[in-house]
């Protein structure tokens, strides 16, 4: 309501300011007088200026932005702008593009919408911590090469193998091979110990790598239509048609046959069976289950736990105890014998680690998994996703202690591995507590990336009897194994009968007389 005297009202009406209150009209007059005064930058002469007359349109200059300002129109307009910005930000995040809302626009958002906008920004940032897909890198490199180039073909085939994952599989198999307890380690009979055969290790690494390449290629053959819907997999070679499905299938069959055959010929049949089983589980069970049930993740973790068993059976099958005749089959002796506990503990460690590693990785791209139709725990049941990560992170602690109990490592390994295990458990707890928010998925992901190599290196450094034998070699101290070997050598030497050569009798010619 505008309150003013009739005299002022008549004067204002003549100037076209009938709808302006007296306070605003006086302020306008005073501002005009101040502008007519001298400024420091002007000359001494007074300048006359035209007083700006305010019409009703002055107060509604922002009509295009706020629309109808009456009856709560301004708040409605701001709410509409906020809603529109947030929806555009949400749609852009789901598509994997940048957020269009600027910092200036975010200031006009209400507090609850600003918090939501911050969450969307964090969700956008979660994708940035994931390392670049190795298959994508090699596919990009191959696409830039000539069509008939041999280097292009090799880059495409390398991209099919998922190089980073295949390398992890080979390293876990080799670590288990190294951790197998060898009685005569660093002794004088080192070169006679078949379990440390370089040729056996070469067959193991090559065969395991080819089996992993076959499984990964079959996985890509099954999912090109769905890989095209995800940002991390849309640049794979089959999606970009860098190789035909027939060529990829031929490569998968050839690498699988050569890999399993090499393990059978150069290692033992049990290790070859585990390699073939890994191909079948990954390509024939895990891959189809990804669109059926969330328990596909557990099947994938079993696949990751088999390579340590392959390395363990490769080392165990080369020792003299298993080469001797036995009433039990060889596979039963290698997988269920008294010395097989260490292999199963390493397989369990890889199983638990994969679940604590995959949960934060999948959470960061959960919307893409959902859009592609994959049944992954990160979006089907987010609360359970955090619990699973925490549960299996805790399980890594007793598994490490079990390696000490099974005489695979020294007991100092339990203390040495505790800090890195505690780090993993702490990040998994925070990941579960904050449900992946506040950057906890990123922290748990990188904690798991460092956890596995640190634990395996510590286990190899703390291998049972390693340091005692090194010190005995350095300082020339005799160990029980050395005395045992010398005792066996003496027994063998005593058992050999000494045959005396007959001395011919010389008969004198005079003796017959």
Protein backbone atom coordinates (compact mmCIF):
# COMPACT_ATOMS: atom_id res chain seq x y z
CA UNK A 1 0.00 0.00 0.00
CA UNK A 2 1.41 3.45 -1.04
CA UNK A 3 0.83 6.27 1.56
CA UNK A 4 1.43 9.88 0.44
CA UNK A 5 -0.26 13.28 0.51
CA UNK A 6 -2.50 14.46 -2.38
CA UNK A 7 -0.01 17.20 -3.29
CA UNK A 8 2.84 14.77 -3.82
CA UNK A 9 0.53 12.34 -5.56
CA UNK A 10 -0.53 14.95 -8.09
CA UNK A 11 3.07 16.00 -8.78
CA UNK A 12 4.20 12.45 -9.27
CA UNK A 13 1.23 11.66 -11.50
CA UNK A 14 2.20 14.50 -13.81
CA UNK A 15 5.71 13.04 -14.17
CA UNK A 16 4.44 9.56 -14.95
CA UNK A 17 5.34 8.22 -11.49
CA UNK A 18 1.90 7.69 -10.12
CA UNK A 19 2.63 4.16 -9.05
CA UNK A 20 5.90 5.04 -7.31
CA UNK A 21 6.01 5.56 -3.57
CA UNK A 22 7.27 8.78 -2.01
CA UNK A 23 10.42 7.13 -0.63
CA UNK A 24 11.55 5.98 -4.06
CA UNK A 25 10.70 9.31 -5.67
CA UNK A 26 12.77 11.26 -3.12
CA UNK A 27 15.67 8.88 -3.56
CA UNK A 28 15.52 9.43 -7.29
CA UNK A 29 15.52 13.21 -6.90
CA UNK A 30 18.47 13.15 -4.51
CA UNK A 31 20.47 10.88 -6.75
CA UNK A 32 19.88 13.25 -9.64
CA UNK A 33 21.15 16.17 -7.56
CA UNK A 34 24.27 14.25 -6.57
CA UNK A 35 25.01 13.38 -10.17
CA UNK A 36 24.68 17.09 -11.06
CA UNK A 37 27.48 17.95 -8.65
CA UNK A 38 31.19 18.13 -9.39
CA UNK A 39 33.21 14.95 -9.67
CA UNK A 40 36.92 14.79 -9.06
CA UNK A 41 37.53 13.78 -12.67
CA UNK A 42 35.35 16.55 -14.12
CA UNK A 43 36.14 20.18 -14.78
CA UNK A 44 35.26 22.99 -12.39
CA UNK A 45 32.20 23.89 -14.41
CA UNK A 46 28.95 22.43 -13.25
CA UNK A 47 27.26 20.09 -15.66
CA UNK A 48 23.57 19.73 -15.86
CA UNK A 49 22.19 16.27 -16.21
CA UNK A 50 18.77 14.99 -17.02
CA UNK A 51 17.12 13.32 -14.10
CA UNK A 52 16.13 9.79 -14.98
CA UNK A 53 12.44 9.24 -14.71
CA UNK A 54 11.43 5.85 -13.46
CA UNK A 55 8.46 4.13 -14.98
CA UNK A 56 6.69 1.07 -13.81
CA UNK A 57 8.76 -1.06 -16.19
CA UNK A 58 11.92 -0.25 -14.21
CA UNK A 59 10.87 -2.44 -11.34
CA UNK A 60 10.10 -5.31 -13.67
CA UNK A 61 13.19 -5.24 -15.86
CA UNK A 62 13.81 -8.88 -14.94
CA UNK A 63 10.41 -9.97 -16.15
CA UNK A 64 11.97 -12.42 -18.60
CA UNK A 65 13.83 -14.18 -15.80
CA UNK A 66 11.33 -14.20 -12.98
CA UNK A 67 8.08 -14.02 -14.92
CA UNK A 68 5.20 -12.99 -12.73
CA UNK A 69 6.71 -11.53 -9.56
CA UNK A 70 3.47 -11.25 -7.73
CA UNK A 71 2.01 -13.83 -5.40
CA UNK A 72 5.22 -15.80 -4.95
CA UNK A 73 6.09 -15.72 -8.63
CA UNK A 74 9.76 -14.94 -7.95
CA UNK A 75 10.29 -17.94 -5.66
CA UNK A 76 8.44 -20.14 -8.15
CA UNK A 77 10.71 -18.98 -10.94
CA UNK A 78 13.87 -19.57 -8.91
CA UNK A 79 12.59 -23.02 -7.97
CA UNK A 80 11.91 -23.80 -11.62
CA UNK A 81 15.39 -22.71 -12.63
CA UNK A 82 16.91 -24.78 -9.81
CA UNK A 83 14.89 -27.82 -10.75
CA UNK A 84 15.80 -27.48 -14.39
CA UNK A 85 19.53 -27.13 -13.65
CA UNK A 86 19.60 -30.11 -11.33
CA UNK A 87 17.68 -32.29 -13.78
CA UNK A 88 20.04 -31.31 -16.58
CA UNK A 89 23.00 -32.09 -14.33
CA UNK A 90 21.54 -35.46 -13.43
CA UNK A 91 20.86 -36.36 -17.07
CA UNK A 92 24.33 -35.29 -18.11
CA UNK A 93 25.93 -37.39 -15.37
CA UNK A 94 23.96 -40.47 -16.41
CA UNK A 95 25.21 -39.95 -19.98
CA UNK A 96 28.80 -39.54 -18.78
CA UNK A 97 29.13 -35.90 -19.90
CA UNK A 98 30.17 -32.81 -17.97
CA UNK A 99 27.80 -30.98 -15.63
CA UNK A 100 26.39 -27.84 -17.31
CA UNK A 101 25.52 -26.02 -14.10
CA UNK A 102 27.99 -23.20 -13.50
CA UNK A 103 29.20 -21.89 -10.16
CA UNK A 104 27.10 -18.71 -10.54
CA UNK A 105 23.97 -20.74 -11.24
CA UNK A 106 24.58 -23.02 -8.28
CA UNK A 107 24.50 -20.00 -5.93
CA UNK A 108 20.80 -19.41 -6.60
CA UNK A 109 19.91 -23.00 -5.67
CA UNK A 110 18.20 -23.57 -2.32
CA UNK A 111 20.31 -25.33 0.34
CA UNK A 112 18.83 -28.76 -0.23
CA UNK A 113 19.34 -28.45 -3.99
CA UNK A 114 22.91 -27.24 -3.48
CA UNK A 115 23.60 -30.34 -1.44
CA UNK A 116 22.12 -32.48 -4.20
CA UNK A 117 24.20 -30.64 -6.77
CA UNK A 118 27.32 -31.31 -4.68
CA UNK A 119 26.46 -35.02 -4.59
CA UNK A 120 26.12 -35.03 -8.35
CA UNK A 121 29.52 -33.38 -8.66
CA UNK A 122 31.02 -36.06 -6.40
CA UNK A 123 29.36 -38.74 -8.49
CA UNK A 124 30.87 -37.22 -11.61
CA UNK A 125 34.30 -37.15 -9.94
CA UNK A 126 34.08 -40.81 -8.91
CA UNK A 127 34.63 -41.89 -12.52
CA UNK A 128 37.83 -39.91 -12.81
CA UNK A 129 39.86 -42.00 -10.33
CA UNK A 130 39.51 -45.21 -12.34
CA UNK A 131 42.62 -45.98 -14.40
CA UNK A 132 42.26 -45.95 -18.15
CA UNK A 133 41.18 -49.26 -19.64
CA UNK A 134 44.21 -51.05 -21.11
CA UNK A 135 42.11 -52.61 -23.89
CA UNK A 136 40.97 -49.14 -24.91
CA UNK A 137 44.55 -47.87 -25.04
CA UNK A 138 45.68 -50.65 -27.39
CA UNK A 139 42.51 -50.35 -29.49
CA UNK A 140 43.15 -46.62 -29.97
CA UNK A 141 46.73 -47.37 -30.92
CA UNK A 142 45.64 -50.01 -33.42
CA UNK A 143 43.04 -47.76 -35.07
CA UNK A 144 45.76 -45.23 -35.93
CA UNK A 145 47.86 -47.83 -37.81
CA UNK A 146 47.45 -48.94 -41.45
CA UNK A 147 44.78 -51.55 -42.13
CA UNK A 148 47.18 -54.24 -43.38
CA UNK A 149 49.89 -53.58 -40.78
CA UNK A 150 51.11 -56.51 -38.70
CA UNK A 151 51.60 -54.15 -35.78
CA UNK A 152 47.92 -53.23 -35.99
CA UNK A 153 46.92 -56.90 -35.81
CA UNK A 154 49.15 -57.50 -32.79
CA UNK A 155 47.72 -54.44 -31.02
CA UNK A 156 44.16 -55.63 -31.66
CA UNK A 157 44.94 -59.13 -30.38
CA UNK A 158 46.64 -57.68 -27.31
CA UNK A 159 43.58 -55.54 -26.70
CA UNK A 160 41.38 -58.67 -26.77
CA UNK A 161 43.40 -60.24 -23.94
CA UNK A 162 42.73 -57.44 -21.41
CA UNK A 163 46.48 -57.06 -20.75
CA UNK A 164 46.27 -55.64 -17.25
CA UNK A 165 43.96 -58.39 -15.99
CA UNK A 166 45.98 -61.13 -17.70
CA UNK A 167 49.18 -59.82 -16.12
CA UNK A 168 47.56 -59.93 -12.67
CA UNK A 169 46.53 -63.55 -13.25
CA UNK A 170 50.09 -64.53 -14.24
CA UNK A 171 51.65 -62.72 -11.28
CA UNK A 172 49.38 -64.44 -8.75
CA UNK A 173 50.22 -67.84 -10.24
CA UNK A 174 53.96 -67.09 -10.12
CA UNK A 175 53.76 -65.84 -6.53
CA UNK A 176 52.16 -69.10 -5.41
CA UNK A 177 54.83 -71.04 -7.31
CA UNK A 178 57.50 -69.06 -5.46
CA UNK A 179 55.88 -69.51 -2.05
CA UNK A 180 55.76 -73.30 -2.25
CA UNK A 181 58.08 -74.63 0.51
CA UNK A 182 61.19 -76.21 -0.98
CA UNK A 183 63.24 -78.16 1.61
CA UNK A 184 66.62 -77.57 0.01
CA UNK A 185 66.22 -73.87 -0.77
CA UNK A 186 69.60 -72.14 -1.09
CA UNK A 187 71.43 -75.32 -0.21
CA UNK A 188 74.29 -76.97 -2.06
CA UNK A 189 71.80 -79.12 -4.00
CA UNK A 190 69.90 -76.13 -5.39
CA UNK A 191 70.55 -76.99 -9.01
CA UNK A 192 69.26 -80.53 -8.48
CA UNK A 193 65.91 -79.34 -7.10
CA UNK A 194 63.29 -79.83 -9.86
CA UNK A 195 60.70 -77.59 -8.15
CA UNK A 196 62.79 -74.51 -9.02
CA UNK A 197 63.11 -75.48 -12.65
CA UNK A 198 63.23 -72.43 -14.90
CA UNK A 199 61.67 -74.41 -17.73
CA UNK A 200 58.70 -75.35 -15.55
CA UNK A 201 58.21 -71.72 -14.58
CA UNK A 202 58.35 -70.70 -18.25
CA UNK A 203 55.65 -73.21 -19.18
CA UNK A 204 53.55 -72.05 -16.22
CA UNK A 205 53.68 -68.34 -17.08
CA UNK A 206 53.12 -68.85 -20.80
CA UNK A 207 50.30 -71.34 -20.39
CA UNK A 208 48.54 -69.25 -17.74
CA UNK A 209 48.78 -66.09 -19.88
CA UNK A 210 47.32 -67.88 -22.92
CA UNK A 211 44.47 -69.33 -20.86
CA UNK A 212 43.66 -65.86 -19.50
CA UNK A 213 43.79 -64.43 -23.04
CA UNK A 214 41.35 -67.07 -24.27
CA UNK A 215 38.89 -66.44 -21.43
CA UNK A 216 38.98 -62.65 -21.85
CA UNK A 217 38.49 -62.86 -25.62
CA UNK A 218 35.46 -65.13 -25.22
CA UNK A 219 34.09 -62.65 -22.68
CA UNK A 220 34.35 -59.81 -25.22
CA UNK A 221 32.72 -61.96 -27.89
CA UNK A 222 29.68 -62.43 -25.67
CA UNK A 223 29.16 -58.76 -24.73
CA UNK A 224 29.84 -56.34 -27.65
CA UNK A 225 26.26 -55.07 -27.65
CA UNK A 226 26.37 -54.28 -23.94
CA UNK A 227 29.95 -53.02 -23.96
CA UNK A 228 28.85 -50.28 -26.37
CA UNK A 229 26.57 -48.85 -23.64
CA UNK A 230 29.34 -48.24 -21.09
CA UNK A 231 32.01 -45.56 -21.21
CA UNK A 232 34.80 -47.89 -20.01
CA UNK A 233 34.09 -50.60 -22.60
CA UNK A 234 32.67 -48.80 -25.62
CA UNK A 235 36.11 -48.56 -27.24
CA UNK A 236 36.90 -52.25 -27.16
CA UNK A 237 38.06 -53.75 -30.49
CA UNK A 238 34.92 -55.77 -31.20
CA UNK A 239 32.69 -52.78 -30.48
CA UNK A 240 34.73 -50.62 -32.87
CA UNK A 241 34.85 -53.47 -35.41
CA UNK A 242 38.64 -53.54 -35.49
CA UNK A 243 38.43 -57.33 -35.82
CA UNK A 244 35.66 -59.64 -36.94
CA UNK A 245 33.90 -61.95 -34.48
CA UNK A 246 35.20 -64.93 -36.44
CA UNK A 247 38.79 -63.75 -36.14
CA UNK A 248 38.37 -63.15 -32.40
CA UNK A 249 36.85 -66.62 -31.94
CA UNK A 250 39.73 -68.22 -33.82
CA UNK A 251 42.23 -66.39 -31.61
CA UNK A 252 40.37 -67.47 -28.44
CA UNK A 253 40.34 -71.14 -29.48
CA UNK A 254 43.99 -71.13 -30.56
CA UNK A 255 45.24 -69.44 -27.38
CA UNK A 256 43.16 -71.74 -25.20
CA UNK A 257 44.36 -74.93 -26.89
CA UNK A 258 48.01 -73.88 -26.86
CA UNK A 259 47.79 -72.66 -23.25
CA UNK A 260 46.19 -75.81 -21.86
CA UNK A 261 48.48 -78.00 -23.97
CA UNK A 262 51.56 -76.20 -22.71
CA UNK A 263 50.48 -76.63 -19.10
CA UNK A 264 49.81 -80.34 -19.69
CA UNK A 265 53.12 -80.99 -21.41
CA UNK A 266 55.42 -78.69 -19.46
CA UNK A 267 53.85 -78.72 -15.96
CA UNK A 268 51.37 -81.47 -15.07
CA UNK A 269 47.82 -82.57 -15.95
CA UNK A 270 46.34 -81.11 -12.75
CA UNK A 271 47.55 -77.62 -13.56
CA UNK A 272 46.29 -77.98 -17.13
CA UNK A 273 42.86 -79.02 -15.84
CA UNK A 274 42.72 -75.92 -13.61
CA UNK A 275 43.60 -73.72 -16.60
CA UNK A 276 40.82 -75.23 -18.71
CA UNK A 277 38.40 -74.94 -15.77
CA UNK A 278 39.21 -71.25 -15.45
CA UNK A 279 38.35 -70.63 -19.11
CA UNK A 280 35.06 -72.47 -18.76
CA UNK A 281 34.02 -70.71 -15.54
CA UNK A 282 34.87 -67.22 -16.78
CA UNK A 283 33.46 -67.44 -20.29
CA UNK A 284 30.72 -70.02 -19.79
CA UNK A 285 29.37 -69.27 -16.30
CA UNK A 286 30.42 -65.85 -15.03
CA UNK A 287 29.80 -63.89 -18.23
CA UNK A 288 26.18 -65.09 -18.82
CA UNK A 289 25.32 -64.72 -15.11
CA UNK A 290 26.17 -60.99 -15.16
CA UNK A 291 22.70 -60.28 -16.57
CA UNK A 292 20.88 -62.83 -14.41
CA UNK A 293 21.92 -62.59 -10.74
CA UNK A 294 24.15 -60.55 -8.47
CA UNK A 295 25.96 -63.73 -7.42
CA UNK A 296 27.94 -63.53 -10.64
CA UNK A 297 30.48 -61.51 -8.65
CA UNK A 298 31.18 -64.48 -6.38
CA UNK A 299 31.66 -66.75 -9.41
CA UNK A 300 34.12 -64.22 -10.82
CA UNK A 301 35.98 -64.23 -7.51
CA UNK A 302 36.32 -68.04 -7.73
CA UNK A 303 37.85 -67.59 -11.18
CA UNK A 304 40.39 -65.18 -9.68
CA UNK A 305 41.27 -67.65 -6.93
CA UNK A 306 42.23 -70.49 -9.31
CA UNK A 307 45.58 -69.06 -10.64
CA UNK A 308 47.28 -69.33 -7.20
CA UNK A 309 46.22 -72.97 -7.10
CA UNK A 310 47.77 -73.45 -10.54
CA UNK A 311 51.08 -72.06 -9.35
CA UNK A 312 50.98 -74.17 -6.19
CA UNK A 313 50.24 -77.44 -8.01
CA UNK A 314 52.93 -76.61 -10.59
CA UNK A 315 55.56 -76.41 -7.84
CA UNK A 316 54.19 -79.34 -5.84
CA UNK A 317 54.08 -81.61 -8.86
CA UNK A 318 57.82 -81.21 -9.47
CA UNK A 319 59.05 -82.35 -6.05
CA UNK A 320 60.41 -85.83 -5.54
CA UNK A 321 57.68 -86.75 -3.05
CA UNK A 322 54.99 -86.46 -5.72
CA UNK A 323 57.03 -88.14 -8.43
CA UNK A 324 57.21 -91.36 -6.46
CA UNK A 325 54.61 -94.05 -6.88
CA UNK A 326 51.52 -93.49 -4.75
CA UNK A 327 48.22 -95.25 -4.31
CA UNK A 328 46.28 -91.97 -4.58
CA UNK A 329 45.82 -90.14 -7.90
CA UNK A 330 48.14 -87.28 -8.62
CA UNK A 331 45.38 -84.62 -8.65
CA UNK A 332 44.18 -85.74 -5.24
CA UNK A 333 47.70 -85.65 -3.86
CA UNK A 334 48.29 -82.13 -5.24
CA UNK A 335 44.94 -80.56 -4.35
CA UNK A 336 43.91 -82.49 -1.23
CA UNK A 337 47.22 -83.72 0.16
CA UNK A 338 48.82 -82.60 3.43
CA UNK A 339 50.92 -79.96 1.65
CA UNK A 340 48.02 -78.37 -0.23
CA UNK A 341 46.83 -76.08 2.59
CA UNK A 342 49.06 -73.21 1.48
CA UNK A 343 47.62 -73.24 -2.03
CA UNK A 344 44.04 -73.10 -0.78
CA UNK A 345 44.90 -70.25 1.61
CA UNK A 346 46.39 -68.23 -1.24
CA UNK A 347 43.31 -68.97 -3.35
CA UNK A 348 41.10 -67.78 -0.48
CA UNK A 349 43.15 -64.60 -0.14
CA UNK A 350 42.65 -63.79 -3.83
CA UNK A 351 38.93 -64.60 -3.53
CA UNK A 352 38.45 -62.21 -0.60
CA UNK A 353 40.60 -59.49 -2.15
CA UNK A 354 38.62 -59.46 -5.39
CA UNK A 355 35.35 -58.81 -3.60
CA UNK A 356 36.79 -55.95 -1.57
CA UNK A 357 38.34 -54.54 -4.78
CA UNK A 358 35.37 -54.87 -7.13
CA UNK A 359 32.76 -53.31 -4.86
CA UNK A 360 34.19 -49.74 -4.91
CA UNK A 361 35.13 -50.10 -8.58
CA UNK A 362 31.59 -51.04 -9.60
CA UNK A 363 30.02 -48.42 -7.32
CA UNK A 364 31.68 -45.60 -9.25
CA UNK A 365 30.01 -46.68 -12.52
CA UNK A 366 26.81 -48.13 -11.07
CA UNK A 367 24.55 -46.06 -13.32
CA UNK A 368 26.29 -47.45 -16.39
CA UNK A 369 25.90 -51.01 -15.12
CA UNK A 370 22.24 -50.34 -14.52
CA UNK A 371 21.75 -48.84 -17.96
CA UNK A 372 23.45 -51.79 -19.64
CA UNK A 373 21.29 -54.28 -17.74
CA UNK A 374 24.00 -55.93 -15.64
CA UNK A 375 22.84 -57.33 -12.30
CA UNK A 376 25.56 -55.85 -10.10
CA UNK A 377 25.24 -55.43 -6.34
CA UNK A 378 26.27 -51.76 -6.42
CA UNK A 379 22.85 -50.66 -7.76
CA UNK A 380 20.66 -53.66 -6.97
CA UNK A 381 21.44 -53.50 -3.23
CA UNK A 382 23.85 -50.62 -2.38
CA UNK A 383 23.73 -51.32 1.37
CA UNK A 384 24.82 -54.93 0.85
CA UNK A 385 27.54 -53.72 -1.50
CA UNK A 386 29.28 -51.94 1.37
CA UNK A 387 28.79 -54.84 3.79
CA UNK A 388 30.36 -57.31 1.36
CA UNK A 389 33.40 -55.08 0.89
CA UNK A 390 33.85 -54.77 4.66
CA UNK A 391 33.27 -58.45 5.34
CA UNK A 392 35.88 -59.75 2.91
CA UNK A 393 38.38 -57.06 3.81
CA UNK A 394 38.28 -58.36 7.37
CA UNK A 395 38.65 -61.93 6.05
CA UNK A 396 42.08 -61.08 4.65
CA UNK A 397 43.52 -60.90 8.18
CA UNK A 398 42.91 -64.54 9.27
CA UNK A 399 43.94 -65.76 5.81
CA UNK A 400 47.33 -64.09 6.21
CA UNK A 401 47.71 -65.61 9.67
CA UNK A 402 46.77 -68.99 8.20
CA UNK A 403 49.78 -68.83 5.88
CA UNK A 404 51.97 -68.67 8.99
CA UNK A 405 50.14 -71.57 10.60
CA UNK A 406 50.56 -73.68 7.43
CA UNK A 407 54.34 -73.11 7.51
CA UNK A 408 54.28 -71.19 4.24
CA UNK A 409 55.67 -68.02 5.84
CA UNK A 410 57.34 -67.09 9.09
CA UNK A 411 55.19 -65.82 11.95
CA UNK A 412 56.69 -62.37 11.46
CA UNK A 413 54.56 -62.16 8.30
CA UNK A 414 51.43 -61.92 10.45
CA UNK A 415 52.78 -58.77 12.09
CA UNK A 416 54.26 -57.35 8.88
CA UNK A 417 51.00 -57.69 6.94
CA UNK A 418 48.82 -56.26 9.72
CA UNK A 419 49.27 -52.54 8.82
CA UNK A 420 48.23 -52.96 5.19
CA UNK A 421 45.35 -55.23 6.23
CA UNK A 422 44.23 -52.64 8.80
CA UNK A 423 44.37 -49.94 6.13
CA UNK A 424 42.12 -51.99 3.86
CA UNK A 425 39.65 -52.68 6.67
CA UNK A 426 39.54 -49.00 7.68
CA UNK A 427 38.74 -47.83 4.16
CA UNK A 428 36.16 -50.61 3.74
CA UNK A 429 34.48 -49.56 6.99
CA UNK A 430 34.26 -45.95 5.86
CA UNK A 431 33.02 -47.07 2.45
CA UNK A 432 30.22 -49.00 4.18
CA UNK A 433 29.48 -46.25 6.71
CA UNK A 434 29.12 -43.42 4.18
CA UNK A 435 27.60 -45.66 1.50
CA UNK A 436 30.29 -44.74 -0.99
CA UNK A 437 29.84 -40.98 -0.58
CA UNK A 438 32.52 -38.42 0.38
CA UNK A 439 35.06 -40.03 -1.94
CA UNK A 440 35.21 -43.27 0.06
CA UNK A 441 34.89 -45.44 -3.04
CA UNK A 442 38.03 -43.88 -4.45
CA UNK A 443 39.99 -44.41 -1.24
CA UNK A 444 38.95 -48.06 -0.89
CA UNK A 445 39.71 -48.74 -4.55
CA UNK A 446 43.29 -47.51 -4.29
CA UNK A 447 43.78 -49.19 -0.92
CA UNK A 448 42.85 -52.52 -2.53
CA UNK A 449 45.11 -51.83 -5.53
CA UNK A 450 48.13 -51.48 -3.21
CA UNK A 451 47.05 -54.17 -0.75
CA UNK A 452 47.54 -57.26 -2.93
CA UNK A 453 51.09 -56.63 -4.23
CA UNK A 454 52.28 -55.52 -0.79
CA UNK A 455 50.91 -58.67 0.88
CA UNK A 456 52.35 -61.01 -1.76
CA UNK A 457 55.77 -59.36 -1.66
CA UNK A 458 55.82 -59.53 2.14
CA UNK A 459 54.87 -63.21 1.99
CA UNK A 460 57.73 -63.97 -0.40
CA UNK A 461 60.17 -62.00 1.74
CA UNK A 462 58.97 -63.80 4.88
CA UNK A 463 58.93 -67.25 3.28
CA UNK A 464 59.47 -70.07 5.74
CA UNK A 465 63.16 -70.76 6.29
CA UNK A 466 64.37 -68.21 3.74
CA UNK A 467 66.29 -65.88 6.03
CA UNK A 468 67.75 -68.63 8.20
CA UNK A 469 69.26 -70.26 5.13
CA UNK A 470 70.51 -66.95 3.75
CA UNK A 471 72.25 -66.20 7.04
CA UNK A 472 73.70 -69.70 7.19
CA UNK A 473 75.16 -69.27 3.71
CA UNK A 474 76.58 -65.84 4.58
CA UNK A 475 78.09 -66.79 7.95
CA UNK A 476 78.89 -70.41 7.11
CA UNK A 477 76.64 -71.88 9.80
CA UNK A 478 75.51 -75.48 9.49
CA UNK A 479 71.79 -76.13 9.35
CA UNK A 480 69.80 -79.25 10.12
CA UNK A 481 69.09 -79.84 6.44
CA UNK A 482 72.79 -79.72 5.57
CA UNK A 483 73.59 -82.24 8.30
CA UNK A 484 70.76 -84.44 7.07
CA UNK A 485 72.07 -84.39 3.52
CA UNK A 486 75.60 -85.27 4.72
CA UNK A 487 74.21 -88.09 6.88
CA UNK A 488 72.37 -89.54 3.89
CA UNK A 489 75.52 -89.33 1.77
CA UNK A 490 77.53 -91.23 4.42
CA UNK A 491 74.90 -93.97 4.62
CA UNK A 492 74.92 -94.43 0.87
CA UNK A 493 78.68 -94.55 0.91
CA UNK A 494 78.77 -97.23 3.60
CA UNK A 495 76.21 -99.42 1.85
CA UNK A 496 78.33 -99.72 -1.27
CA UNK A 497 80.42 -102.97 -0.96
CA UNK A 498 84.09 -102.61 -1.64
CA UNK A 499 85.23 -105.18 -4.15
CA UNK A 500 88.91 -106.07 -3.99
CA UNK A 501 90.53 -106.97 -7.22
CA UNK A 502 92.04 -110.50 -7.17
CA UNK A 503 95.81 -110.70 -7.01
CA UNK A 504 97.16 -113.20 -9.44
CA UNK A 505 99.28 -115.91 -7.85
CA UNK A 506 102.68 -116.27 -9.33
CA UNK A 507 103.92 -119.84 -9.21
CA UNK A 508 107.60 -120.26 -9.23
CA UNK A 509 109.00 -122.70 -11.63
CA UNK A 510 111.16 -124.18 -8.88
CA UNK A 511 108.13 -124.80 -6.60
CA UNK A 512 106.92 -127.66 -8.74
CA UNK A 513 110.03 -129.43 -8.22
